Amino acid sequence: MKCPKCSKDNDKVLDSRTAREGAAIRRRRECLCCGYRFTTYEEIDRDEVLVIKSDGSRQPFDRSKVDKAIRRACGKRPVSDEQIRTMIDHVVERLEGDEVKSEAIAELVMEELHRVDEVAYIRFASVYRRFTDVAQFLSAITEIVKK
C-alpha cells in the first residue's frame, strides 16, 4: 500500500478490525519511511456484475459511481460519512444476478436516501427522474409527506 504522504510502499499494519457491519475490513497502517499513519478499507469487489445502461450498453459495476452519486445528493446535508458508506454497502448487497439494470440500482439508491435524508432523496430523484418543472418537485415532495 502506497503512503499517501511520501508515496513509498513500505508500511506495517497496526490494527485490523471489521467495519460497516462486516462488509469491510478497516486497517490502520504506519509508513516505515516517514512514520505517517493512515487508514485503509478492504472490501469485496463486485466487478463481476454488469450494469445494463438505458441505451442497452453494458459496463462493469463501479462502486465509486454509486458513492459519487450519493455524496452529490447528500452534499451540505447532515449525513455522516459512515451513513454514506452504509447506504452504499446496502445497495451493493442487494444487487442480484450477473446483470442489473441501471434503473434498478437507482431505485435502490433512492430507497436508501429516502430512509436517511429526504432532501438528499429529492435531489437524487430530481436528476434520476429528470424533473423538468416545479410541479414534478411538488409531486415528489407530496409523496414523501404522505408517507
N, C-alpha and C. Protein backbone atom coordinates (compact mmCIF):
# COMPACT_ATOMS: atom_id res chain seq x y z
N MET A 1 0.85 -1.17 0.00
CA MET A 1 0.00 0.00 0.00
C MET A 1 0.90 1.24 0.00
N LYS A 2 0.68 2.14 -0.94
CA LYS A 2 1.49 3.36 -1.01
C LYS A 2 1.06 4.36 0.06
N CYS A 3 2.04 4.97 0.66
CA CYS A 3 1.79 6.00 1.67
C CYS A 3 1.21 7.24 0.97
N PRO A 4 0.11 7.80 1.48
CA PRO A 4 -0.47 8.99 0.84
C PRO A 4 0.41 10.24 1.00
N LYS A 5 1.38 10.19 1.91
CA LYS A 5 2.24 11.35 2.15
C LYS A 5 3.53 11.29 1.32
N CYS A 6 4.25 10.14 1.38
CA CYS A 6 5.55 10.07 0.70
C CYS A 6 5.55 9.13 -0.51
N SER A 7 4.46 8.43 -0.76
CA SER A 7 4.28 7.52 -1.89
C SER A 7 5.17 6.28 -1.87
N LYS A 8 5.82 6.00 -0.77
CA LYS A 8 6.59 4.76 -0.63
C LYS A 8 5.63 3.63 -0.30
N ASP A 9 5.99 2.41 -0.67
CA ASP A 9 5.09 1.29 -0.41
C ASP A 9 5.64 0.35 0.67
N ASN A 10 6.19 0.95 1.69
CA ASN A 10 6.75 0.19 2.80
C ASN A 10 6.01 0.59 4.08
N ASP A 11 5.03 -0.22 4.48
CA ASP A 11 4.25 0.12 5.67
C ASP A 11 4.00 -1.13 6.50
N LYS A 12 3.51 -0.91 7.70
CA LYS A 12 3.10 -2.04 8.54
C LYS A 12 1.68 -1.79 9.04
N VAL A 13 0.95 -2.88 9.26
CA VAL A 13 -0.42 -2.79 9.75
C VAL A 13 -0.37 -2.75 11.27
N LEU A 14 -0.97 -1.70 11.84
CA LEU A 14 -1.00 -1.54 13.30
C LEU A 14 -2.23 -2.19 13.91
N ASP A 15 -3.35 -2.15 13.18
CA ASP A 15 -4.61 -2.65 13.72
C ASP A 15 -5.53 -3.04 12.57
N SER A 16 -6.25 -4.15 12.72
CA SER A 16 -7.26 -4.58 11.75
C SER A 16 -8.54 -4.90 12.50
N ARG A 17 -9.67 -4.49 11.93
CA ARG A 17 -10.97 -4.83 12.51
C ARG A 17 -12.04 -4.74 11.44
N THR A 18 -13.15 -5.40 11.69
CA THR A 18 -14.25 -5.33 10.73
C THR A 18 -14.90 -3.96 10.81
N ALA A 19 -15.46 -3.56 9.69
CA ALA A 19 -16.13 -2.25 9.61
C ALA A 19 -17.39 -2.40 8.78
N ARG A 20 -18.27 -1.43 8.90
CA ARG A 20 -19.51 -1.37 8.12
C ARG A 20 -20.28 -2.68 8.17
N GLU A 21 -20.57 -3.09 9.39
CA GLU A 21 -21.39 -4.29 9.62
C GLU A 21 -20.80 -5.53 8.97
N GLY A 22 -19.47 -5.65 8.96
CA GLY A 22 -18.80 -6.81 8.42
C GLY A 22 -18.58 -6.78 6.92
N ALA A 23 -18.96 -5.70 6.24
CA ALA A 23 -18.81 -5.61 4.80
C ALA A 23 -17.41 -5.18 4.38
N ALA A 24 -16.59 -4.76 5.33
CA ALA A 24 -15.24 -4.30 5.02
C ALA A 24 -14.31 -4.58 6.19
N ILE A 25 -13.03 -4.50 5.92
CA ILE A 25 -12.02 -4.60 6.97
C ILE A 25 -11.28 -3.27 7.00
N ARG A 26 -11.21 -2.68 8.17
CA ARG A 26 -10.52 -1.41 8.38
C ARG A 26 -9.12 -1.73 8.88
N ARG A 27 -8.11 -1.17 8.22
CA ARG A 27 -6.73 -1.39 8.64
C ARG A 27 -6.06 -0.04 8.93
N ARG A 28 -5.45 0.05 10.09
CA ARG A 28 -4.68 1.23 10.47
C ARG A 28 -3.23 0.91 10.14
N ARG A 29 -2.58 1.74 9.34
CA ARG A 29 -1.22 1.48 8.86
C ARG A 29 -0.27 2.61 9.24
N GLU A 30 1.00 2.26 9.26
CA GLU A 30 2.04 3.26 9.51
C GLU A 30 3.14 3.07 8.46
N CYS A 31 3.51 4.16 7.79
CA CYS A 31 4.58 4.14 6.80
C CYS A 31 5.91 3.98 7.53
N LEU A 32 6.71 3.01 7.11
CA LEU A 32 8.00 2.77 7.75
C LEU A 32 9.07 3.76 7.29
N CYS A 33 8.78 4.51 6.22
CA CYS A 33 9.74 5.51 5.72
C CYS A 33 9.59 6.87 6.39
N CYS A 34 8.34 7.35 6.48
CA CYS A 34 8.13 8.70 7.02
C CYS A 34 7.36 8.72 8.34
N GLY A 35 6.81 7.57 8.75
CA GLY A 35 6.09 7.50 10.02
C GLY A 35 4.63 7.94 9.96
N TYR A 36 4.16 8.33 8.79
CA TYR A 36 2.78 8.80 8.63
C TYR A 36 1.81 7.64 8.87
N ARG A 37 0.73 7.90 9.59
CA ARG A 37 -0.29 6.89 9.85
C ARG A 37 -1.53 7.18 9.01
N PHE A 38 -2.10 6.12 8.46
CA PHE A 38 -3.29 6.27 7.62
C PHE A 38 -4.17 5.04 7.73
N THR A 39 -5.41 5.17 7.27
CA THR A 39 -6.40 4.10 7.34
C THR A 39 -6.77 3.64 5.94
N THR A 40 -6.90 2.32 5.77
CA THR A 40 -7.37 1.75 4.51
C THR A 40 -8.55 0.84 4.80
N TYR A 41 -9.37 0.62 3.78
CA TYR A 41 -10.51 -0.29 3.88
C TYR A 41 -10.39 -1.34 2.80
N GLU A 42 -10.66 -2.58 3.15
CA GLU A 42 -10.66 -3.68 2.21
C GLU A 42 -12.09 -4.20 2.13
N GLU A 43 -12.60 -4.35 0.90
CA GLU A 43 -13.98 -4.79 0.74
C GLU A 43 -14.11 -5.72 -0.46
N ILE A 44 -15.23 -6.37 -0.57
CA ILE A 44 -15.47 -7.30 -1.66
C ILE A 44 -15.61 -6.51 -2.96
N ASP A 45 -14.94 -6.97 -3.99
CA ASP A 45 -15.00 -6.34 -5.31
C ASP A 45 -16.16 -6.95 -6.09
N ARG A 46 -17.13 -6.12 -6.48
CA ARG A 46 -18.32 -6.61 -7.19
C ARG A 46 -18.24 -6.32 -8.69
N ASP A 47 -17.04 -6.33 -9.26
CA ASP A 47 -16.89 -6.02 -10.67
C ASP A 47 -17.49 -7.07 -11.59
N GLU A 48 -17.79 -8.27 -11.07
CA GLU A 48 -18.36 -9.30 -11.92
C GLU A 48 -19.79 -8.99 -12.34
N VAL A 49 -20.44 -8.03 -11.70
CA VAL A 49 -21.80 -7.64 -12.05
C VAL A 49 -21.73 -6.63 -13.20
N LEU A 50 -22.53 -6.88 -14.25
CA LEU A 50 -22.61 -5.94 -15.37
C LEU A 50 -23.85 -5.08 -15.20
N VAL A 51 -23.70 -3.81 -15.49
CA VAL A 51 -24.81 -2.86 -15.42
C VAL A 51 -25.32 -2.63 -16.84
N ILE A 52 -26.64 -2.80 -17.01
CA ILE A 52 -27.26 -2.55 -18.31
C ILE A 52 -27.77 -1.11 -18.30
N LYS A 53 -27.14 -0.28 -19.10
CA LYS A 53 -27.49 1.14 -19.15
C LYS A 53 -28.80 1.33 -19.94
N SER A 54 -29.37 2.51 -19.85
CA SER A 54 -30.65 2.78 -20.52
C SER A 54 -30.55 2.69 -22.05
N ASP A 55 -29.35 2.89 -22.60
CA ASP A 55 -29.18 2.76 -24.05
C ASP A 55 -28.88 1.33 -24.49
N GLY A 56 -28.90 0.38 -23.52
CA GLY A 56 -28.67 -1.02 -23.84
C GLY A 56 -27.23 -1.47 -23.70
N SER A 57 -26.30 -0.53 -23.55
CA SER A 57 -24.90 -0.91 -23.40
C SER A 57 -24.67 -1.52 -22.02
N ARG A 58 -23.59 -2.27 -21.90
CA ARG A 58 -23.25 -2.93 -20.64
C ARG A 58 -21.87 -2.50 -20.20
N GLN A 59 -21.72 -2.31 -18.90
CA GLN A 59 -20.41 -2.00 -18.35
C GLN A 59 -20.30 -2.59 -16.95
N PRO A 60 -19.08 -2.87 -16.50
CA PRO A 60 -18.90 -3.45 -15.17
C PRO A 60 -19.42 -2.51 -14.08
N PHE A 61 -19.99 -3.10 -13.04
CA PHE A 61 -20.46 -2.31 -11.90
C PHE A 61 -19.28 -1.60 -11.27
N ASP A 62 -19.47 -0.32 -10.96
CA ASP A 62 -18.42 0.50 -10.36
C ASP A 62 -18.97 1.14 -9.09
N ARG A 63 -18.54 0.64 -7.95
CA ARG A 63 -19.00 1.13 -6.66
C ARG A 63 -18.76 2.63 -6.51
N SER A 64 -17.67 3.13 -7.09
CA SER A 64 -17.34 4.55 -6.94
C SER A 64 -18.39 5.45 -7.59
N LYS A 65 -19.10 4.96 -8.61
CA LYS A 65 -20.16 5.76 -9.23
C LYS A 65 -21.34 5.92 -8.29
N VAL A 66 -21.68 4.86 -7.57
CA VAL A 66 -22.75 4.94 -6.57
C VAL A 66 -22.33 5.89 -5.45
N ASP A 67 -21.08 5.76 -5.03
CA ASP A 67 -20.53 6.64 -3.99
C ASP A 67 -20.63 8.10 -4.41
N LYS A 68 -20.21 8.39 -5.63
CA LYS A 68 -20.23 9.77 -6.13
C LYS A 68 -21.65 10.33 -6.19
N ALA A 69 -22.59 9.51 -6.66
CA ALA A 69 -23.99 9.96 -6.77
C ALA A 69 -24.59 10.24 -5.40
N ILE A 70 -24.34 9.36 -4.45
CA ILE A 70 -24.89 9.55 -3.11
C ILE A 70 -24.25 10.76 -2.44
N ARG A 71 -22.94 10.90 -2.58
CA ARG A 71 -22.26 12.06 -1.98
C ARG A 71 -22.75 13.38 -2.58
N ARG A 72 -23.01 13.38 -3.87
CA ARG A 72 -23.52 14.60 -4.51
C ARG A 72 -24.91 14.93 -3.96
N ALA A 73 -25.76 13.93 -3.83
CA ALA A 73 -27.12 14.16 -3.31
C ALA A 73 -27.08 14.61 -1.85
N CYS A 74 -26.11 14.12 -1.09
CA CYS A 74 -26.02 14.43 0.35
C CYS A 74 -25.16 15.65 0.64
N GLY A 75 -24.68 16.33 -0.40
CA GLY A 75 -23.82 17.49 -0.22
C GLY A 75 -24.47 18.55 0.68
N LYS A 76 -23.72 19.01 1.67
CA LYS A 76 -24.16 20.04 2.62
C LYS A 76 -25.40 19.63 3.41
N ARG A 77 -25.57 18.33 3.59
CA ARG A 77 -26.66 17.79 4.40
C ARG A 77 -26.06 17.13 5.63
N PRO A 78 -26.82 16.99 6.70
CA PRO A 78 -26.28 16.38 7.94
C PRO A 78 -26.23 14.85 7.84
N VAL A 79 -25.50 14.36 6.85
CA VAL A 79 -25.34 12.92 6.65
C VAL A 79 -23.86 12.60 6.84
N SER A 80 -23.59 11.69 7.75
CA SER A 80 -22.20 11.37 8.07
C SER A 80 -21.57 10.47 7.01
N ASP A 81 -20.25 10.44 7.01
CA ASP A 81 -19.51 9.57 6.10
C ASP A 81 -19.87 8.11 6.34
N GLU A 82 -20.05 7.75 7.59
CA GLU A 82 -20.41 6.37 7.93
C GLU A 82 -21.80 6.02 7.38
N GLN A 83 -22.74 6.96 7.45
CA GLN A 83 -24.08 6.72 6.88
C GLN A 83 -24.00 6.52 5.37
N ILE A 84 -23.16 7.30 4.72
CA ILE A 84 -23.00 7.17 3.27
C ILE A 84 -22.41 5.82 2.93
N ARG A 85 -21.37 5.41 3.65
CA ARG A 85 -20.76 4.10 3.39
C ARG A 85 -21.77 2.97 3.63
N THR A 86 -22.57 3.11 4.66
CA THR A 86 -23.58 2.08 4.97
C THR A 86 -24.62 2.01 3.85
N MET A 87 -25.05 3.17 3.34
CA MET A 87 -26.01 3.17 2.23
C MET A 87 -25.43 2.46 1.02
N ILE A 88 -24.18 2.76 0.70
CA ILE A 88 -23.52 2.14 -0.44
C ILE A 88 -23.43 0.63 -0.24
N ASP A 89 -23.05 0.21 0.97
CA ASP A 89 -22.97 -1.22 1.28
C ASP A 89 -24.32 -1.90 1.09
N HIS A 90 -25.39 -1.25 1.54
CA HIS A 90 -26.73 -1.83 1.40
C HIS A 90 -27.12 -1.97 -0.07
N VAL A 91 -26.78 -0.97 -0.89
CA VAL A 91 -27.08 -1.05 -2.32
C VAL A 91 -26.31 -2.21 -2.94
N VAL A 92 -25.01 -2.31 -2.64
CA VAL A 92 -24.18 -3.36 -3.23
C VAL A 92 -24.66 -4.74 -2.79
N GLU A 93 -25.04 -4.89 -1.52
CA GLU A 93 -25.52 -6.17 -1.01
C GLU A 93 -26.79 -6.63 -1.72
N ARG A 94 -27.61 -5.69 -2.16
CA ARG A 94 -28.90 -6.04 -2.76
C ARG A 94 -28.83 -6.24 -4.27
N LEU A 95 -27.65 -6.10 -4.87
CA LEU A 95 -27.50 -6.38 -6.30
C LEU A 95 -27.59 -7.88 -6.50
N GLU A 96 -28.45 -8.30 -7.41
CA GLU A 96 -28.65 -9.73 -7.64
C GLU A 96 -28.41 -10.07 -9.09
N GLY A 97 -27.74 -11.18 -9.31
CA GLY A 97 -27.52 -11.67 -10.67
C GLY A 97 -26.25 -11.13 -11.28
N ASP A 98 -25.98 -11.59 -12.50
CA ASP A 98 -24.80 -11.17 -13.24
C ASP A 98 -24.99 -9.85 -13.95
N GLU A 99 -26.25 -9.51 -14.23
CA GLU A 99 -26.57 -8.25 -14.91
C GLU A 99 -27.69 -7.54 -14.17
N VAL A 100 -27.52 -6.24 -13.98
CA VAL A 100 -28.50 -5.43 -13.27
C VAL A 100 -28.75 -4.17 -14.08
N LYS A 101 -30.02 -3.81 -14.23
CA LYS A 101 -30.35 -2.57 -14.94
C LYS A 101 -29.96 -1.37 -14.09
N SER A 102 -29.50 -0.32 -14.75
CA SER A 102 -29.10 0.89 -14.04
C SER A 102 -30.29 1.49 -13.29
N GLU A 103 -31.50 1.31 -13.83
CA GLU A 103 -32.70 1.82 -13.17
C GLU A 103 -32.92 1.13 -11.83
N ALA A 104 -32.60 -0.17 -11.76
CA ALA A 104 -32.76 -0.91 -10.51
C ALA A 104 -31.77 -0.39 -9.46
N ILE A 105 -30.56 -0.07 -9.89
CA ILE A 105 -29.57 0.48 -8.96
C ILE A 105 -30.04 1.84 -8.46
N ALA A 106 -30.56 2.66 -9.36
CA ALA A 106 -31.04 3.99 -8.97
C ALA A 106 -32.19 3.87 -7.97
N GLU A 107 -33.08 2.90 -8.17
CA GLU A 107 -34.19 2.70 -7.23
C GLU A 107 -33.67 2.29 -5.84
N LEU A 108 -32.64 1.43 -5.81
CA LEU A 108 -32.04 1.04 -4.53
C LEU A 108 -31.42 2.25 -3.84
N VAL A 109 -30.74 3.08 -4.60
CA VAL A 109 -30.13 4.30 -4.04
C VAL A 109 -31.22 5.21 -3.48
N MET A 110 -32.33 5.37 -4.21
CA MET A 110 -33.41 6.23 -3.74
C MET A 110 -34.03 5.69 -2.46
N GLU A 111 -34.18 4.37 -2.35
CA GLU A 111 -34.71 3.79 -1.11
C GLU A 111 -33.80 4.12 0.08
N GLU A 112 -32.51 3.99 -0.11
CA GLU A 112 -31.56 4.28 0.97
C GLU A 112 -31.58 5.77 1.33
N LEU A 113 -31.59 6.63 0.32
CA LEU A 113 -31.62 8.07 0.58
C LEU A 113 -32.91 8.48 1.27
N HIS A 114 -34.02 7.89 0.86
CA HIS A 114 -35.32 8.22 1.46
C HIS A 114 -35.31 7.87 2.95
N ARG A 115 -34.66 6.77 3.29
CA ARG A 115 -34.58 6.32 4.68
C ARG A 115 -33.69 7.25 5.52
N VAL A 116 -32.63 7.80 4.91
CA VAL A 116 -31.64 8.57 5.67
C VAL A 116 -31.91 10.08 5.64
N ASP A 117 -32.20 10.63 4.46
CA ASP A 117 -32.37 12.09 4.34
C ASP A 117 -33.29 12.39 3.17
N GLU A 118 -34.45 12.95 3.46
CA GLU A 118 -35.46 13.19 2.43
C GLU A 118 -35.05 14.26 1.42
N VAL A 119 -34.28 15.25 1.87
CA VAL A 119 -33.81 16.28 0.94
C VAL A 119 -32.83 15.67 -0.06
N ALA A 120 -31.93 14.83 0.43
CA ALA A 120 -30.99 14.14 -0.47
C ALA A 120 -31.75 13.25 -1.44
N TYR A 121 -32.82 12.62 -0.95
CA TYR A 121 -33.66 11.79 -1.81
C TYR A 121 -34.24 12.62 -2.95
N ILE A 122 -34.79 13.79 -2.63
CA ILE A 122 -35.39 14.66 -3.65
C ILE A 122 -34.32 15.11 -4.65
N ARG A 123 -33.13 15.45 -4.15
CA ARG A 123 -32.05 15.85 -5.06
C ARG A 123 -31.73 14.74 -6.05
N PHE A 124 -31.56 13.53 -5.53
CA PHE A 124 -31.22 12.40 -6.40
C PHE A 124 -32.36 12.10 -7.37
N ALA A 125 -33.58 12.07 -6.85
CA ALA A 125 -34.76 11.77 -7.68
C ALA A 125 -34.94 12.81 -8.78
N SER A 126 -34.63 14.06 -8.49
CA SER A 126 -34.82 15.11 -9.50
C SER A 126 -33.88 14.90 -10.68
N VAL A 127 -32.69 14.37 -10.44
CA VAL A 127 -31.76 14.10 -11.52
C VAL A 127 -32.12 12.79 -12.21
N TYR A 128 -32.35 11.75 -11.42
CA TYR A 128 -32.64 10.43 -11.99
C TYR A 128 -33.94 10.43 -12.79
N ARG A 129 -34.96 11.07 -12.25
CA ARG A 129 -36.27 11.09 -12.95
C ARG A 129 -36.40 12.27 -13.88
N ARG A 130 -35.36 13.06 -13.99
CA ARG A 130 -35.29 14.21 -14.91
C ARG A 130 -36.46 15.17 -14.75
N PHE A 131 -36.61 15.70 -13.53
CA PHE A 131 -37.67 16.69 -13.29
C PHE A 131 -37.43 17.88 -14.21
N THR A 132 -38.51 18.33 -14.85
CA THR A 132 -38.38 19.46 -15.78
C THR A 132 -39.09 20.71 -15.30
N ASP A 133 -39.96 20.57 -14.28
CA ASP A 133 -40.64 21.76 -13.78
C ASP A 133 -40.95 21.59 -12.29
N VAL A 134 -41.44 22.66 -11.70
CA VAL A 134 -41.72 22.69 -10.27
C VAL A 134 -42.82 21.70 -9.89
N ALA A 135 -43.76 21.47 -10.77
CA ALA A 135 -44.86 20.55 -10.48
C ALA A 135 -44.34 19.15 -10.16
N GLN A 136 -43.31 18.72 -10.85
CA GLN A 136 -42.74 17.41 -10.58
C GLN A 136 -42.06 17.37 -9.20
N PHE A 137 -41.40 18.47 -8.84
CA PHE A 137 -40.81 18.57 -7.50
C PHE A 137 -41.91 18.50 -6.44
N LEU A 138 -42.97 19.26 -6.63
CA LEU A 138 -44.06 19.28 -5.67
C LEU A 138 -44.72 17.91 -5.54
N SER A 139 -44.86 17.22 -6.65
CA SER A 139 -45.44 15.89 -6.63
C SER A 139 -44.56 14.94 -5.80
N ALA A 140 -43.26 15.00 -6.00
CA ALA A 140 -42.34 14.13 -5.23
C ALA A 140 -42.36 14.49 -3.76
N ILE A 141 -42.41 15.76 -3.44
CA ILE A 141 -42.45 16.19 -2.03
C ILE A 141 -43.77 15.77 -1.39
N THR A 142 -44.86 15.92 -2.10
CA THR A 142 -46.17 15.48 -1.59
C THR A 142 -46.16 14.00 -1.32
N GLU A 143 -45.54 13.23 -2.17
CA GLU A 143 -45.43 11.79 -1.99
C GLU A 143 -44.68 11.46 -0.70
N ILE A 144 -43.63 12.20 -0.41
CA ILE A 144 -42.85 11.98 0.83
C ILE A 144 -43.69 12.34 2.05
N VAL A 145 -44.39 13.45 1.98
CA VAL A 145 -45.19 13.92 3.12
C VAL A 145 -46.29 12.91 3.45
N LYS A 146 -46.87 12.27 2.43
CA LYS A 146 -47.94 11.29 2.65
C LYS A 146 -47.43 10.07 3.38
N LYS A 147 -46.16 9.70 3.19
CA LYS A 147 -45.60 8.50 3.83
C LYS A 147 -45.31 8.78 5.24
